[in-house]
């Protein structure tokens, strides 16, 4: 029989067993430590070990561990930052807009608002497709409506979901959202804040940067973004907004080479000297995230990371067959600054979707298509 011990979580004490993970031990006492993947990847469950005996199982960073992996060796006291409780919301795609040749801004209109902190992410399920994790962000000028979620989605040729944007996923498509999750959310402070993004990692970084400027206009903020080429720097208007609103330094980098306000190289080439009181946020490809984390942690700085991990689910035979049975034509995602919305909703010239008219019912699926969709739902491996 396993030895017993006490686990104190944010001031509440529960009985637990030695060897249990912190998440399991807390939930056994009806304390819901925020978590999502339970595989040590998403960082949602990172907690601070105040005292006691905890085996970090290789996840330790400073005095923090991942609660889904770390195990109890005896009595322990842990704390975590309170975040909005994960919940579910339903909505529909309201509008889409191309930000670059392979990045699309997708705006989802929810039936009721979803509380989240800037920098967190949510699980998004477009009806008929597997779930994907996206970080809510803002339009280039820092705006969004209370019932809206704004996403930046990279379109991948073999992406089960992203390849269908503008094809079978168009304005009016039903969406379910679950969340929020994630540990890399905005925190107040007085020290230097360094924000680093690669590609669509800009989505959570832009949300954090905007909130940092709004909450403390005089705070020292350095923003560094990177892309493979100049077209990948789709966030330039938002970078201009930050320059105009007091960010100390805003740096855009491209591996294609410099020119104008764009510098040659990678974001890590332009990291400032860091100290123990500095706060670093990074989002993007795992290689970039790991490199920035290493420099931040070696300097003793706080680092909040959001690695963008590729989906492990490849397009299966069922997915390919289902795609062939869909309507073949693709609705082009507009390249101009305007949004597009479903014609059936009677969108006005500004692209806003009035809530008056109900959507027309979709055409019935052929029996084989319905069977394939049902089979794909059963084969989900997310």
Protein backbone atom coordinates (compact mmCIF):
# COMPACT_ATOMS: atom_id res chain seq x y z
CA UNK A 1 0.00 0.00 0.00
CA UNK A 2 1.38 3.41 -1.02
CA UNK A 3 2.50 5.76 1.72
CA UNK A 4 0.26 8.75 2.37
CA UNK A 5 1.27 12.40 2.44
CA UNK A 6 -0.23 15.88 2.44
CA UNK A 7 -0.39 18.11 -0.63
CA UNK A 8 -1.25 21.77 -0.14
CA UNK A 9 -2.47 23.57 -3.27
CA UNK A 10 -3.03 27.33 -3.07
CA UNK A 11 -3.69 27.01 0.66
CA UNK A 12 -5.95 23.93 0.50
CA UNK A 13 -4.60 20.64 1.86
CA UNK A 14 -5.58 17.18 0.63
CA UNK A 15 -4.42 13.66 1.43
CA UNK A 16 -2.49 11.99 -1.38
CA UNK A 17 -0.31 8.98 -2.12
CA UNK A 18 3.45 9.06 -2.60
CA UNK A 19 4.17 8.54 -6.29
CA UNK A 20 1.02 10.26 -7.55
CA UNK A 21 1.38 13.10 -10.03
CA UNK A 22 0.51 16.50 -8.64
CA UNK A 23 -2.47 16.77 -10.99
CA UNK A 24 -3.90 13.40 -9.92
CA UNK A 25 -3.28 14.09 -6.24
CA UNK A 26 -4.98 17.47 -6.41
CA UNK A 27 -7.95 16.17 -8.37
CA UNK A 28 -8.32 13.35 -5.84
CA UNK A 29 -9.07 16.09 -3.33
CA UNK A 30 -11.41 17.94 -5.71
CA UNK A 31 -8.87 20.63 -6.57
CA UNK A 32 -8.71 21.26 -10.30
CA UNK A 33 -5.15 22.27 -11.17
CA UNK A 34 -5.30 23.75 -14.70
CA UNK A 35 -4.15 21.16 -17.25
CA UNK A 36 -4.79 20.05 -20.81
CA UNK A 37 -2.52 17.58 -22.64
CA UNK A 38 -1.27 15.59 -19.59
CA UNK A 39 1.81 14.64 -21.64
CA UNK A 40 4.18 17.41 -20.59
CA UNK A 41 3.92 19.46 -23.78
CA UNK A 42 1.37 22.24 -23.35
CA UNK A 43 2.78 23.82 -20.14
CA UNK A 44 -0.75 24.55 -18.90
CA UNK A 45 -0.09 22.74 -15.60
CA UNK A 46 3.20 24.41 -14.63
CA UNK A 47 3.09 25.09 -10.86
CA UNK A 48 5.49 26.50 -8.29
CA UNK A 49 6.87 24.19 -5.59
CA UNK A 50 7.01 26.28 -2.41
CA UNK A 51 8.33 23.49 -0.18
CA UNK A 52 8.35 19.74 0.29
CA UNK A 53 9.41 16.64 -1.60
CA UNK A 54 8.57 16.55 -5.30
CA UNK A 55 10.29 14.60 -8.08
CA UNK A 56 10.13 16.94 -11.09
CA UNK A 57 10.56 14.01 -13.56
CA UNK A 58 12.80 16.23 -15.68
CA UNK A 59 10.33 19.13 -15.99
CA UNK A 60 11.86 21.49 -13.44
CA UNK A 61 12.53 25.10 -14.39
CA UNK A 62 13.65 27.13 -11.41
CA UNK A 63 11.16 26.37 -8.66
CA UNK A 64 8.44 25.27 -11.10
CA UNK A 65 7.43 21.82 -12.40
CA UNK A 66 4.78 20.36 -14.68
CA UNK A 67 2.07 19.01 -12.40
CA UNK A 68 0.98 16.33 -14.88
CA UNK A 69 4.46 14.75 -14.77
CA UNK A 70 6.00 15.62 -11.38
CA UNK A 71 5.29 13.15 -8.58
CA UNK A 72 5.03 13.37 -4.81
CA UNK A 73 7.81 11.97 -2.64
CA UNK A 74 6.28 13.29 0.59
CA UNK A 75 4.44 16.31 1.96
CA UNK A 76 4.54 19.28 -0.42
CA UNK A 77 3.18 22.79 -0.89
CA UNK A 78 2.52 24.11 -4.40
CA UNK A 79 0.90 27.20 -5.87
CA UNK A 80 -0.31 28.24 -9.30
CA UNK A 81 -1.72 31.39 -10.86
CA UNK A 82 -5.50 31.48 -10.92
CA UNK A 83 -6.84 31.44 -14.48
CA UNK A 84 -10.32 31.39 -16.02
CA UNK A 85 -11.92 27.97 -15.76
CA UNK A 86 -11.96 25.94 -18.97
CA UNK A 87 -15.42 25.79 -20.48
CA UNK A 88 -17.18 25.19 -23.80
CA UNK A 89 -18.68 27.69 -26.21
CA UNK A 90 -20.47 27.31 -29.54
CA UNK A 91 -20.34 29.68 -32.46
CA UNK A 92 -19.70 30.02 -36.17
CA UNK A 93 -17.09 31.34 -38.55
CA UNK A 94 -17.98 34.99 -39.06
CA UNK A 95 -15.27 36.12 -41.46
CA UNK A 96 -11.92 35.22 -43.02
CA UNK A 97 -9.09 37.31 -44.45
CA UNK A 98 -5.72 36.44 -45.95
CA UNK A 99 -2.83 38.02 -44.03
CA UNK A 100 -0.13 36.52 -46.27
CA UNK A 101 0.10 33.84 -48.91
CA UNK A 102 -0.29 31.08 -46.28
CA UNK A 103 -1.69 32.75 -43.14
CA UNK A 104 -5.40 33.42 -42.73
CA UNK A 105 -7.18 35.48 -40.10
CA UNK A 106 -10.30 33.58 -39.02
CA UNK A 107 -12.89 35.32 -36.87
CA UNK A 108 -15.26 33.14 -34.87
CA UNK A 109 -18.42 34.66 -33.45
CA UNK A 110 -19.51 32.95 -30.22
CA UNK A 111 -23.02 32.77 -28.81
CA UNK A 112 -21.64 33.99 -25.47
CA UNK A 113 -18.22 35.45 -24.54
CA UNK A 114 -15.33 33.24 -23.44
CA UNK A 115 -13.06 34.46 -20.65
CA UNK A 116 -9.34 33.99 -21.24
CA UNK A 117 -6.05 35.71 -20.49
CA UNK A 118 -3.90 37.19 -23.28
CA UNK A 119 -1.46 34.50 -24.38
CA UNK A 120 -3.63 31.49 -23.56
CA UNK A 121 -4.91 29.09 -26.22
CA UNK A 122 -8.17 27.24 -26.89
CA UNK A 123 -9.16 24.00 -28.59
CA UNK A 124 -11.18 24.75 -31.73
CA UNK A 125 -13.34 22.18 -33.51
CA UNK A 126 -14.75 23.10 -36.90
CA UNK A 127 -17.80 20.88 -37.42
CA UNK A 128 -16.78 17.65 -39.15
CA UNK A 129 -13.06 18.06 -38.40
CA UNK A 130 -10.68 17.09 -35.59
CA UNK A 131 -9.87 19.71 -32.92
CA UNK A 132 -6.94 22.08 -33.26
CA UNK A 133 -5.30 24.40 -30.73
CA UNK A 134 -5.18 28.11 -31.61
CA UNK A 135 -4.32 31.22 -29.61
CA UNK A 136 -6.95 33.97 -29.57
CA UNK A 137 -5.44 37.25 -30.70
CA UNK A 138 -6.51 40.67 -31.95
CA UNK A 139 -6.93 42.47 -35.24
CA UNK A 140 -3.87 44.42 -36.38
CA UNK A 141 -5.15 47.56 -34.61
CA UNK A 142 -5.72 45.79 -31.28
CA UNK A 143 -9.50 45.46 -31.51
CA UNK A 144 -11.98 42.61 -31.18
CA UNK A 145 -15.61 42.37 -30.13
CA UNK A 146 -16.61 40.71 -26.84
CA UNK A 147 -18.25 37.74 -28.60
CA UNK A 148 -15.40 37.29 -31.08
CA UNK A 149 -12.29 35.14 -31.15
CA UNK A 150 -9.63 36.12 -33.69
CA UNK A 151 -7.19 33.44 -34.88
CA UNK A 152 -4.14 33.37 -37.15
CA UNK A 153 -4.03 30.01 -38.95
CA UNK A 154 -1.25 28.82 -41.24
CA UNK A 155 -2.61 26.97 -44.26
CA UNK A 156 -0.72 23.72 -44.86
CA UNK A 157 -1.22 21.75 -48.12
CA UNK A 158 -1.68 18.47 -46.24
CA UNK A 159 -3.38 19.99 -43.20
CA UNK A 160 -6.60 18.17 -42.44
CA UNK A 161 -8.16 21.39 -41.14
CA UNK A 162 -6.16 24.30 -42.55
CA UNK A 163 -6.29 23.06 -46.16
CA UNK A 164 -10.09 23.30 -45.99
CA UNK A 165 -10.18 27.00 -45.07
CA UNK A 166 -12.08 28.73 -47.86
CA UNK A 167 -13.13 25.35 -49.22
CA UNK A 168 -15.47 23.40 -46.97
CA UNK A 169 -14.80 25.72 -44.02
CA UNK A 170 -16.36 29.06 -44.93
CA UNK A 171 -18.29 31.79 -43.10
CA UNK A 172 -21.30 30.27 -41.39
CA UNK A 173 -19.48 27.00 -40.57
CA UNK A 174 -20.31 25.75 -37.05
CA UNK A 175 -17.49 25.89 -34.49
CA UNK A 176 -17.09 24.54 -30.95
CA UNK A 177 -14.46 26.08 -28.66
CA UNK A 178 -13.08 24.63 -25.42
CA UNK A 179 -10.71 26.41 -23.06
CA UNK A 180 -8.78 28.43 -22.18
CA UNK A 181 -5.50 26.59 -21.54
CA UNK A 182 -1.84 27.50 -21.38
CA UNK A 183 0.74 28.91 -18.98
CA UNK A 184 2.24 31.66 -21.17
CA UNK A 185 -0.33 34.33 -20.34
CA UNK A 186 0.22 38.01 -19.56
CA UNK A 187 1.51 38.87 -16.10
CA UNK A 188 1.88 42.33 -14.65
CA UNK A 189 5.29 43.58 -13.59
CA UNK A 190 7.74 46.48 -13.69
CA UNK A 191 10.85 44.90 -15.22
CA UNK A 192 11.88 44.55 -18.84
CA UNK A 193 9.50 42.46 -20.96
CA UNK A 194 10.93 40.71 -24.02
CA UNK A 195 8.42 39.21 -26.47
CA UNK A 196 9.66 36.83 -29.17
CA UNK A 197 7.55 35.28 -31.95
CA UNK A 198 8.14 33.11 -34.98
CA UNK A 199 5.50 32.84 -37.71
CA UNK A 200 1.97 32.46 -36.36
CA UNK A 201 3.47 32.46 -32.87
CA UNK A 202 2.72 36.14 -33.32
CA UNK A 203 -0.93 35.49 -32.36
CA UNK A 204 -0.38 34.99 -28.59
CA UNK A 205 2.57 37.40 -28.52
CA UNK A 206 0.48 40.18 -30.07
CA UNK A 207 -2.24 39.60 -27.46
CA UNK A 208 0.33 39.80 -24.63
CA UNK A 209 2.12 42.82 -26.14
CA UNK A 210 -1.09 44.79 -26.58
CA UNK A 211 -2.20 44.09 -23.01
CA UNK A 212 1.26 45.01 -21.66
CA UNK A 213 1.18 48.38 -23.43
CA UNK A 214 -2.38 49.02 -22.31
CA UNK A 215 -1.79 48.02 -18.67
CA UNK A 216 1.52 49.85 -18.17
CA UNK A 217 2.36 52.28 -21.00
CA UNK A 218 5.81 53.18 -19.60
CA UNK A 219 7.04 49.62 -19.15
CA UNK A 220 10.18 48.67 -21.12
CA UNK A 221 9.02 46.31 -23.87
CA UNK A 222 11.14 44.77 -26.62
CA UNK A 223 9.35 42.87 -29.39
CA UNK A 224 11.25 40.56 -31.76
CA UNK A 225 9.55 38.65 -34.59
CA UNK A 226 10.98 36.39 -37.26
CA UNK A 227 9.98 34.67 -40.48
CA UNK A 228 11.61 32.75 -43.31
CA UNK A 229 10.95 35.54 -45.81
CA UNK A 230 9.44 39.01 -45.96
CA UNK A 231 5.97 37.71 -46.86
CA UNK A 232 5.98 35.76 -43.60
CA UNK A 233 6.14 39.04 -41.67
CA UNK A 234 2.40 39.41 -41.98
CA UNK A 235 2.16 41.35 -38.71
CA UNK A 236 3.86 44.57 -39.84
CA UNK A 237 0.84 46.78 -39.19
CA UNK A 238 0.69 45.51 -35.60
CA UNK A 239 4.42 46.16 -35.23
CA UNK A 240 3.83 49.75 -36.36
CA UNK A 241 1.05 50.02 -33.78
CA UNK A 242 3.46 48.96 -31.03
CA UNK A 243 6.09 51.45 -32.21
CA UNK A 244 3.48 54.21 -32.12
CA UNK A 245 2.30 53.22 -28.63
CA UNK A 246 5.55 53.23 -26.73
CA UNK A 247 7.32 49.89 -27.17
CA UNK A 248 11.02 50.52 -26.55
CA UNK A 249 12.19 48.48 -29.51
CA UNK A 250 10.39 46.52 -32.23
CA UNK A 251 12.55 44.23 -34.38
CA UNK A 252 11.45 42.25 -37.45
CA UNK A 253 13.85 39.63 -38.82
CA UNK A 254 13.97 37.51 -41.95
CA UNK A 255 16.29 34.68 -42.95
CA UNK A 256 15.84 35.89 -46.53
CA UNK A 257 17.82 39.03 -45.75
CA UNK A 258 17.28 42.54 -44.46
CA UNK A 259 15.90 45.68 -46.04
CA UNK A 260 14.02 48.69 -44.73
CA UNK A 261 12.86 47.96 -41.18
CA UNK A 262 13.58 44.24 -41.57
CA UNK A 263 16.87 42.85 -40.25
CA UNK A 264 18.66 39.79 -41.53
CA UNK A 265 18.89 36.71 -39.32
CA UNK A 266 16.87 35.03 -36.62
CA UNK A 267 15.11 36.47 -33.56
CA UNK A 268 17.71 34.92 -31.24
CA UNK A 269 20.39 37.09 -32.89
CA UNK A 270 18.75 40.18 -31.40
CA UNK A 271 17.92 39.12 -27.86
CA UNK A 272 19.11 41.73 -25.33
CA UNK A 273 21.20 40.94 -22.28
CA UNK A 274 18.80 39.49 -19.74
CA UNK A 275 18.72 39.65 -15.96
CA UNK A 276 16.85 37.97 -13.09
CA UNK A 277 14.11 40.61 -13.00
CA UNK A 278 13.30 40.37 -16.72
CA UNK A 279 10.27 38.59 -18.16
CA UNK A 280 10.48 36.72 -21.47
CA UNK A 281 7.62 35.38 -23.59
CA UNK A 282 8.24 33.23 -26.66
CA UNK A 283 5.90 31.47 -29.09
CA UNK A 284 6.58 29.65 -32.32
CA UNK A 285 8.42 26.60 -33.59
CA UNK A 286 9.96 24.33 -30.92
CA UNK A 287 13.51 25.16 -32.07
CA UNK A 288 13.00 28.89 -31.53
CA UNK A 289 11.22 28.33 -28.22
CA UNK A 290 13.98 26.07 -26.88
CA UNK A 291 16.73 28.50 -27.91
CA UNK A 292 15.04 31.48 -26.25
CA UNK A 293 14.19 29.48 -23.11
CA UNK A 294 17.81 28.38 -22.78
CA UNK A 295 19.11 31.95 -22.93
CA UNK A 296 16.42 33.26 -20.58
CA UNK A 297 16.79 30.55 -17.95
CA UNK A 298 20.60 30.71 -18.03
CA UNK A 299 20.29 34.42 -17.20
CA UNK A 300 17.83 33.71 -14.39
CA UNK A 301 15.00 35.51 -16.19
CA UNK A 302 11.37 34.42 -16.03
CA UNK A 303 10.38 32.65 -19.25
CA UNK A 304 6.89 31.75 -20.42
CA UNK A 305 6.90 29.61 -23.55
CA UNK A 306 4.28 28.45 -26.02
CA UNK A 307 5.80 25.93 -28.46
CA UNK A 308 3.71 25.42 -31.60
CA UNK A 309 3.80 21.65 -32.04
CA UNK A 310 2.76 20.11 -35.38
CA UNK A 311 -0.33 17.94 -35.31
CA UNK A 312 0.55 14.25 -35.07
CA UNK A 313 -2.53 13.32 -37.06
CA UNK A 314 -1.72 12.90 -40.76
CA UNK A 315 -4.36 12.81 -43.43
CA UNK A 316 -5.76 9.29 -43.42
CA UNK A 317 -7.40 7.38 -46.25
CA UNK A 318 -10.79 8.27 -44.79
CA UNK A 319 -9.86 11.97 -44.72
CA UNK A 320 -8.75 11.89 -48.35
CA UNK A 321 -11.92 10.10 -49.46
CA UNK A 322 -14.11 12.53 -47.53
CA UNK A 323 -12.30 15.44 -49.16
CA UNK A 324 -12.95 14.02 -52.64
CA UNK A 325 -16.66 13.82 -51.87
CA UNK A 326 -16.88 17.46 -50.81
CA UNK A 327 -17.71 20.26 -53.21
CA UNK A 328 -14.49 20.69 -55.23
CA UNK A 329 -14.54 24.44 -55.67
CA UNK A 330 -12.56 26.62 -53.27
CA UNK A 331 -13.89 29.97 -52.14
CA UNK A 332 -10.87 32.29 -52.44
CA UNK A 333 -9.84 33.96 -49.22
CA UNK A 334 -9.80 37.71 -50.02
CA UNK A 335 -6.41 39.43 -50.10
CA UNK A 336 -7.63 42.95 -49.39
CA UNK A 337 -8.13 44.54 -46.00
CA UNK A 338 -11.84 43.85 -45.89
CA UNK A 339 -13.41 40.82 -44.25
CA UNK A 340 -15.90 38.61 -45.97
CA UNK A 341 -18.98 37.15 -44.35
CA UNK A 342 -21.74 34.73 -45.36
CA UNK A 343 -24.05 36.17 -47.99
CA UNK A 344 -26.97 34.48 -46.31
CA UNK A 345 -26.32 36.60 -43.22
CA UNK A 346 -26.63 39.85 -45.13
CA UNK A 347 -23.24 41.27 -44.23
CA UNK A 348 -22.98 45.03 -44.51
CA UNK A 349 -20.20 46.90 -46.35
CA UNK A 350 -17.93 46.84 -43.30
CA UNK A 351 -18.05 43.06 -43.14
CA UNK A 352 -19.99 42.93 -39.88
CA UNK A 353 -22.41 40.02 -39.71
CA UNK A 354 -25.91 41.00 -38.53
CA UNK A 355 -27.44 38.44 -36.19
CA UNK A 356 -30.89 38.63 -37.76
CA UNK A 357 -31.31 35.96 -40.41
CA UNK A 358 -30.79 32.27 -39.64
CA UNK A 359 -28.38 30.31 -41.78
CA UNK A 360 -29.92 28.13 -44.46
CA UNK A 361 -29.75 24.40 -43.88
CA UNK A 362 -26.85 22.59 -45.59
CA UNK A 363 -27.61 20.12 -48.33
CA UNK A 364 -27.99 16.55 -47.11
CA UNK A 365 -24.86 14.42 -47.40
CA UNK A 366 -24.84 11.36 -49.59
CA UNK A 367 -24.98 8.09 -47.55
CA UNK A 368 -21.35 7.16 -48.38
CA UNK A 369 -20.13 10.61 -47.41
CA UNK A 370 -21.99 10.40 -44.10
CA UNK A 371 -20.41 6.99 -43.42
CA UNK A 372 -16.93 8.34 -44.12
CA UNK A 373 -17.45 11.32 -41.84
CA UNK A 374 -18.66 9.04 -39.06
CA UNK A 375 -15.66 6.74 -39.54
CA UNK A 376 -13.27 9.67 -39.36
CA UNK A 377 -14.80 10.86 -36.11
CA UNK A 378 -14.23 7.39 -34.64
CA UNK A 379 -10.60 7.40 -35.81
CA UNK A 380 -9.67 10.72 -34.18
CA UNK A 381 -6.28 10.48 -32.52
CA UNK A 382 -5.89 14.02 -31.25
